Amino acid sequence: MWTQTSWQLVQQLIKNPPLWSLLIGIPLRELPLPAIAEQVLQALAWTVIFLSLVLIGLRLSKLTSWQSFPACQSLLIKMVLIPLMLGIGLSVLGVDGPPRLVLVLQMAMPPVFATLVLTEAYELTTI
């Protein structure tokens, strides 16, 4: 009935908080939030964005030289080229203002963090 693979899947589901929020959030999405809760969540969201940008700055400041950074080309593509192309494409499609900015930020952030984490994990900052 329950194989080892099934148990592993259940364990992964239990360990994954985003899935909890999805399962809880879908049935509760029609309930309105009090104004104070909405303000607190918005403040938390801006705080997380600010701290993420500070973390990227701190990580980049630890680099001694950009020339000894083999992942620099990948980081440049993921941080500049792809978001630039997305921003231009969204402008052409008529998406403007905050929605465009949010989409560009969401496009750029995860790959940047992944590149920085992998670079540090495998000590690629030196030749």
N, C-alpha and C. Protein backbone atom coordinates (compact mmCIF):
# COMPACT_ATOMS: atom_id res chain seq x y z
N MET A 1 0.83 -1.18 0.00
CA MET A 1 0.00 0.00 0.00
C MET A 1 0.88 1.26 0.00
N TRP A 2 1.62 1.53 1.07
CA TRP A 2 2.54 2.67 1.13
C TRP A 2 3.94 2.17 0.88
N THR A 3 4.52 2.59 -0.20
CA THR A 3 5.90 2.22 -0.49
C THR A 3 6.83 3.24 0.14
N GLN A 4 8.12 2.93 0.09
CA GLN A 4 9.11 3.84 0.64
C GLN A 4 9.10 5.17 -0.11
N THR A 5 8.88 5.12 -1.41
CA THR A 5 8.80 6.34 -2.21
C THR A 5 7.62 7.19 -1.79
N SER A 6 6.50 6.57 -1.48
CA SER A 6 5.31 7.31 -1.03
C SER A 6 5.60 8.02 0.29
N TRP A 7 6.26 7.32 1.21
CA TRP A 7 6.59 7.93 2.50
C TRP A 7 7.56 9.10 2.31
N GLN A 8 8.52 8.95 1.40
CA GLN A 8 9.45 10.04 1.14
C GLN A 8 8.71 11.26 0.59
N LEU A 9 7.75 11.02 -0.27
CA LEU A 9 6.95 12.12 -0.83
C LEU A 9 6.16 12.82 0.27
N VAL A 10 5.55 12.06 1.17
CA VAL A 10 4.79 12.64 2.27
C VAL A 10 5.73 13.45 3.18
N GLN A 11 6.92 12.93 3.45
CA GLN A 11 7.89 13.66 4.28
C GLN A 11 8.29 14.98 3.62
N GLN A 12 8.51 14.97 2.32
CA GLN A 12 8.87 16.19 1.63
C GLN A 12 7.72 17.21 1.65
N LEU A 13 6.50 16.74 1.53
CA LEU A 13 5.35 17.64 1.62
C LEU A 13 5.23 18.26 3.00
N ILE A 14 5.51 17.49 4.03
CA ILE A 14 5.44 18.00 5.40
C ILE A 14 6.54 19.02 5.66
N LYS A 15 7.70 18.83 5.05
CA LYS A 15 8.84 19.72 5.27
C LYS A 15 8.81 20.98 4.41
N ASN A 16 7.79 21.16 3.56
CA ASN A 16 7.76 22.25 2.60
C ASN A 16 6.69 23.29 2.96
N PRO A 17 7.06 24.35 3.71
CA PRO A 17 6.06 25.36 4.12
C PRO A 17 5.34 26.06 2.98
N PRO A 18 5.97 26.30 1.80
CA PRO A 18 5.18 26.91 0.73
C PRO A 18 3.97 26.06 0.31
N LEU A 19 4.11 24.75 0.39
CA LEU A 19 2.96 23.90 0.07
C LEU A 19 1.87 24.04 1.13
N TRP A 20 2.27 24.19 2.39
CA TRP A 20 1.28 24.40 3.45
C TRP A 20 0.50 25.67 3.16
N SER A 21 1.23 26.74 2.82
CA SER A 21 0.54 28.01 2.59
C SER A 21 -0.38 27.92 1.38
N LEU A 22 0.02 27.14 0.38
CA LEU A 22 -0.85 26.95 -0.78
C LEU A 22 -2.13 26.22 -0.37
N LEU A 23 -1.98 25.13 0.38
CA LEU A 23 -3.14 24.34 0.79
C LEU A 23 -4.05 25.11 1.74
N ILE A 24 -3.49 25.97 2.56
CA ILE A 24 -4.30 26.77 3.48
C ILE A 24 -4.85 28.01 2.77
N GLY A 25 -4.05 28.61 1.89
CA GLY A 25 -4.42 29.86 1.26
C GLY A 25 -5.52 29.74 0.23
N ILE A 26 -5.55 28.64 -0.52
CA ILE A 26 -6.58 28.51 -1.56
C ILE A 26 -7.99 28.53 -0.97
N PRO A 27 -8.28 27.73 0.07
CA PRO A 27 -9.65 27.80 0.61
C PRO A 27 -9.96 29.13 1.31
N LEU A 28 -8.93 29.81 1.84
CA LEU A 28 -9.17 31.03 2.60
C LEU A 28 -9.02 32.30 1.78
N ARG A 29 -8.80 32.21 0.49
CA ARG A 29 -8.53 33.40 -0.32
C ARG A 29 -9.72 34.35 -0.42
N GLU A 30 -10.92 33.86 -0.21
CA GLU A 30 -12.11 34.71 -0.30
C GLU A 30 -12.36 35.51 0.97
N LEU A 31 -11.70 35.14 2.07
CA LEU A 31 -11.89 35.87 3.32
C LEU A 31 -11.09 37.17 3.29
N PRO A 32 -11.73 38.30 3.56
CA PRO A 32 -11.00 39.57 3.57
C PRO A 32 -10.11 39.68 4.80
N LEU A 33 -8.94 40.28 4.61
CA LEU A 33 -8.04 40.51 5.73
C LEU A 33 -8.38 41.84 6.38
N PRO A 34 -8.20 41.93 7.70
CA PRO A 34 -8.35 43.25 8.33
C PRO A 34 -7.29 44.21 7.79
N ALA A 35 -7.59 45.49 7.81
CA ALA A 35 -6.67 46.50 7.26
C ALA A 35 -5.31 46.44 7.93
N ILE A 36 -5.27 46.22 9.23
CA ILE A 36 -3.99 46.18 9.94
C ILE A 36 -3.16 44.99 9.50
N ALA A 37 -3.80 43.84 9.28
CA ALA A 37 -3.07 42.66 8.81
C ALA A 37 -2.50 42.89 7.42
N GLU A 38 -3.27 43.56 6.58
CA GLU A 38 -2.80 43.87 5.23
C GLU A 38 -1.60 44.80 5.27
N GLN A 39 -1.64 45.81 6.16
CA GLN A 39 -0.52 46.74 6.30
C GLN A 39 0.72 46.03 6.83
N VAL A 40 0.54 45.14 7.78
CA VAL A 40 1.68 44.39 8.35
C VAL A 40 2.31 43.51 7.28
N LEU A 41 1.48 42.81 6.50
CA LEU A 41 2.00 41.95 5.44
C LEU A 41 2.73 42.76 4.37
N GLN A 42 2.20 43.93 4.04
CA GLN A 42 2.86 44.77 3.04
C GLN A 42 4.21 45.27 3.58
N ALA A 43 4.26 45.65 4.84
CA ALA A 43 5.52 46.09 5.45
C ALA A 43 6.54 44.94 5.48
N LEU A 44 6.07 43.75 5.80
CA LEU A 44 6.96 42.58 5.80
C LEU A 44 7.50 42.30 4.40
N ALA A 45 6.65 42.42 3.39
CA ALA A 45 7.09 42.17 2.02
C ALA A 45 8.18 43.16 1.61
N TRP A 46 7.99 44.46 1.91
CA TRP A 46 9.01 45.46 1.58
C TRP A 46 10.30 45.22 2.36
N THR A 47 10.17 44.75 3.60
CA THR A 47 11.35 44.45 4.42
C THR A 47 12.14 43.31 3.81
N VAL A 48 11.44 42.27 3.37
CA VAL A 48 12.13 41.13 2.76
C VAL A 48 12.85 41.55 1.48
N ILE A 49 12.20 42.38 0.66
CA ILE A 49 12.85 42.86 -0.56
C ILE A 49 14.09 43.67 -0.22
N PHE A 50 13.99 44.56 0.76
CA PHE A 50 15.13 45.37 1.17
C PHE A 50 16.27 44.49 1.68
N LEU A 51 15.95 43.54 2.55
CA LEU A 51 16.99 42.66 3.10
C LEU A 51 17.62 41.79 2.01
N SER A 52 16.85 41.38 1.02
CA SER A 52 17.39 40.59 -0.08
C SER A 52 18.42 41.39 -0.87
N LEU A 53 18.09 42.64 -1.13
CA LEU A 53 19.03 43.49 -1.86
C LEU A 53 20.28 43.77 -1.05
N VAL A 54 20.13 43.96 0.26
CA VAL A 54 21.29 44.16 1.13
C VAL A 54 22.16 42.90 1.13
N LEU A 55 21.53 41.73 1.20
CA LEU A 55 22.29 40.47 1.19
C LEU A 55 23.08 40.31 -0.10
N ILE A 56 22.48 40.62 -1.22
CA ILE A 56 23.21 40.55 -2.49
C ILE A 56 24.39 41.51 -2.46
N GLY A 57 24.18 42.72 -1.95
CA GLY A 57 25.28 43.68 -1.85
C GLY A 57 26.39 43.19 -0.96
N LEU A 58 26.04 42.58 0.17
CA LEU A 58 27.06 42.06 1.07
C LEU A 58 27.85 40.93 0.43
N ARG A 59 27.16 40.07 -0.28
CA ARG A 59 27.84 38.96 -0.95
C ARG A 59 28.77 39.47 -2.05
N LEU A 60 28.29 40.42 -2.83
CA LEU A 60 29.12 40.96 -3.90
C LEU A 60 30.30 41.75 -3.36
N SER A 61 30.14 42.38 -2.19
CA SER A 61 31.24 43.17 -1.63
C SER A 61 32.39 42.29 -1.14
N LYS A 62 32.13 41.02 -0.92
CA LYS A 62 33.19 40.10 -0.47
C LYS A 62 34.10 39.66 -1.60
N LEU A 63 33.70 39.91 -2.84
CA LEU A 63 34.53 39.53 -3.97
C LEU A 63 35.75 40.43 -4.02
N THR A 64 36.92 39.81 -4.18
CA THR A 64 38.15 40.60 -4.23
C THR A 64 38.38 41.16 -5.62
N SER A 65 37.98 40.43 -6.64
CA SER A 65 38.20 40.89 -8.00
C SER A 65 37.15 40.28 -8.92
N TRP A 66 36.59 41.11 -9.79
CA TRP A 66 35.61 40.59 -10.74
C TRP A 66 36.28 39.71 -11.80
N GLN A 67 37.57 39.92 -12.06
CA GLN A 67 38.24 39.12 -13.07
C GLN A 67 38.41 37.67 -12.60
N SER A 68 38.49 37.45 -11.29
CA SER A 68 38.66 36.09 -10.79
C SER A 68 37.31 35.44 -10.50
N PHE A 69 36.29 35.96 -11.08
CA PHE A 69 34.94 35.47 -10.82
C PHE A 69 34.42 34.77 -12.07
N PRO A 70 34.63 33.43 -12.17
CA PRO A 70 34.23 32.72 -13.39
C PRO A 70 32.74 32.79 -13.71
N ALA A 71 31.92 32.98 -12.71
CA ALA A 71 30.48 33.02 -12.95
C ALA A 71 30.01 34.42 -13.34
N CYS A 72 30.93 35.33 -13.54
CA CYS A 72 30.58 36.72 -13.84
C CYS A 72 29.72 36.83 -15.10
N GLN A 73 30.07 36.08 -16.14
CA GLN A 73 29.29 36.15 -17.37
C GLN A 73 27.87 35.65 -17.13
N SER A 74 27.74 34.57 -16.40
CA SER A 74 26.41 34.04 -16.10
C SER A 74 25.61 35.02 -15.27
N LEU A 75 26.27 35.61 -14.28
CA LEU A 75 25.61 36.58 -13.43
C LEU A 75 25.17 37.81 -14.23
N LEU A 76 26.01 38.26 -15.14
CA LEU A 76 25.68 39.41 -15.98
C LEU A 76 24.47 39.10 -16.87
N ILE A 77 24.45 37.92 -17.45
CA ILE A 77 23.31 37.53 -18.29
C ILE A 77 22.03 37.47 -17.46
N LYS A 78 22.11 36.83 -16.29
CA LYS A 78 20.92 36.64 -15.47
C LYS A 78 20.46 37.91 -14.77
N MET A 79 21.41 38.80 -14.44
CA MET A 79 21.06 40.01 -13.71
C MET A 79 20.71 41.17 -14.62
N VAL A 80 21.30 41.23 -15.80
CA VAL A 80 21.12 42.40 -16.66
C VAL A 80 20.40 42.05 -17.96
N LEU A 81 20.94 41.12 -18.71
CA LEU A 81 20.44 40.86 -20.05
C LEU A 81 19.01 40.32 -20.05
N ILE A 82 18.76 39.26 -19.29
CA ILE A 82 17.41 38.65 -19.27
C ILE A 82 16.37 39.64 -18.73
N PRO A 83 16.61 40.30 -17.56
CA PRO A 83 15.60 41.27 -17.11
C PRO A 83 15.40 42.43 -18.08
N LEU A 84 16.47 42.86 -18.75
CA LEU A 84 16.34 43.94 -19.73
C LEU A 84 15.45 43.50 -20.90
N MET A 85 15.70 42.29 -21.39
CA MET A 85 14.87 41.77 -22.49
C MET A 85 13.42 41.61 -22.05
N LEU A 86 13.22 41.12 -20.82
CA LEU A 86 11.85 40.96 -20.32
C LEU A 86 11.17 42.31 -20.18
N GLY A 87 11.88 43.31 -19.64
CA GLY A 87 11.30 44.64 -19.48
C GLY A 87 10.91 45.25 -20.82
N ILE A 88 11.77 45.11 -21.81
CA ILE A 88 11.46 45.63 -23.15
C ILE A 88 10.27 44.88 -23.75
N GLY A 89 10.28 43.56 -23.60
CA GLY A 89 9.17 42.75 -24.13
C GLY A 89 7.85 43.10 -23.48
N LEU A 90 7.85 43.31 -22.16
CA LEU A 90 6.62 43.69 -21.47
C LEU A 90 6.14 45.07 -21.91
N SER A 91 7.09 45.98 -22.14
CA SER A 91 6.72 47.32 -22.63
C SER A 91 6.07 47.23 -24.00
N VAL A 92 6.62 46.38 -24.86
CA VAL A 92 6.06 46.20 -26.20
C VAL A 92 4.65 45.63 -26.11
N LEU A 93 4.42 44.73 -25.13
CA LEU A 93 3.10 44.12 -24.96
C LEU A 93 2.12 45.03 -24.24
N GLY A 94 2.59 46.20 -23.78
CA GLY A 94 1.69 47.15 -23.14
C GLY A 94 1.61 47.03 -21.63
N VAL A 95 2.43 46.18 -21.03
CA VAL A 95 2.46 46.08 -19.56
C VAL A 95 3.35 47.21 -19.07
N ASP A 96 2.81 48.05 -18.17
CA ASP A 96 3.56 49.23 -17.75
C ASP A 96 3.41 49.42 -16.24
N GLY A 97 4.24 50.24 -15.65
CA GLY A 97 4.14 50.61 -14.25
C GLY A 97 4.60 49.52 -13.31
N PRO A 98 4.01 49.49 -12.10
CA PRO A 98 4.43 48.53 -11.08
C PRO A 98 4.36 47.06 -11.51
N PRO A 99 3.33 46.62 -12.26
CA PRO A 99 3.32 45.21 -12.67
C PRO A 99 4.57 44.83 -13.48
N ARG A 100 5.01 45.72 -14.37
CA ARG A 100 6.21 45.42 -15.15
C ARG A 100 7.44 45.35 -14.24
N LEU A 101 7.54 46.29 -13.32
CA LEU A 101 8.69 46.31 -12.41
C LEU A 101 8.74 45.06 -11.54
N VAL A 102 7.59 44.63 -11.06
CA VAL A 102 7.53 43.42 -10.22
C VAL A 102 7.94 42.19 -11.03
N LEU A 103 7.46 42.07 -12.24
CA LEU A 103 7.81 40.93 -13.08
C LEU A 103 9.31 40.90 -13.40
N VAL A 104 9.88 42.05 -13.67
CA VAL A 104 11.32 42.10 -13.95
C VAL A 104 12.11 41.73 -12.71
N LEU A 105 11.71 42.23 -11.54
CA LEU A 105 12.39 41.90 -10.29
C LEU A 105 12.29 40.41 -10.00
N GLN A 106 11.11 39.84 -10.17
CA GLN A 106 10.93 38.41 -9.94
C GLN A 106 11.75 37.58 -10.91
N MET A 107 11.92 38.06 -12.10
CA MET A 107 12.70 37.34 -13.11
C MET A 107 14.18 37.33 -12.75
N ALA A 108 14.66 38.43 -12.19
CA ALA A 108 16.09 38.58 -11.93
C ALA A 108 16.54 37.96 -10.61
N MET A 109 15.75 38.04 -9.59
CA MET A 109 16.22 37.69 -8.25
C MET A 109 16.59 36.22 -8.04
N PRO A 110 15.71 35.26 -8.32
CA PRO A 110 16.08 33.87 -8.00
C PRO A 110 17.36 33.40 -8.70
N PRO A 111 17.54 33.66 -10.00
CA PRO A 111 18.79 33.21 -10.62
C PRO A 111 20.03 33.89 -10.05
N VAL A 112 19.90 35.15 -9.65
CA VAL A 112 21.03 35.85 -9.07
C VAL A 112 21.44 35.19 -7.77
N PHE A 113 20.47 34.93 -6.91
CA PHE A 113 20.80 34.27 -5.65
C PHE A 113 21.39 32.89 -5.90
N ALA A 114 20.80 32.14 -6.83
CA ALA A 114 21.32 30.80 -7.12
C ALA A 114 22.75 30.86 -7.62
N THR A 115 23.04 31.79 -8.50
CA THR A 115 24.40 31.93 -9.02
C THR A 115 25.37 32.28 -7.90
N LEU A 116 25.00 33.22 -7.04
CA LEU A 116 25.88 33.60 -5.95
C LEU A 116 26.09 32.46 -4.96
N VAL A 117 25.02 31.75 -4.63
CA VAL A 117 25.14 30.65 -3.68
C VAL A 117 26.03 29.54 -4.25
N LEU A 118 25.81 29.17 -5.51
CA LEU A 118 26.63 28.12 -6.11
C LEU A 118 28.09 28.55 -6.24
N THR A 119 28.30 29.80 -6.56
CA THR A 119 29.66 30.31 -6.69
C THR A 119 30.39 30.24 -5.36
N GLU A 120 29.72 30.61 -4.29
CA GLU A 120 30.35 30.54 -2.97
C GLU A 120 30.50 29.09 -2.51
N ALA A 121 29.49 28.26 -2.77
CA ALA A 121 29.54 26.87 -2.33
C ALA A 121 30.71 26.11 -2.94
N TYR A 122 31.01 26.39 -4.20
CA TYR A 122 32.09 25.69 -4.89
C TYR A 122 33.35 26.53 -4.97
N GLU A 123 33.40 27.60 -4.19
CA GLU A 123 34.57 28.47 -4.09
C GLU A 123 35.09 28.88 -5.47
N LEU A 124 34.21 29.41 -6.29
CA LEU A 124 34.58 29.83 -7.63
C LEU A 124 35.05 31.28 -7.69
N THR A 125 35.21 31.92 -6.54
CA THR A 125 35.61 33.32 -6.54
C THR A 125 37.12 33.48 -6.72
N THR A 126 37.86 32.40 -6.72
CA THR A 126 39.30 32.49 -6.97
C THR A 126 39.68 31.51 -8.07
N ILE A 127 40.76 31.81 -8.75
CA ILE A 127 41.20 30.91 -9.84
C ILE A 127 42.04 29.81 -9.28
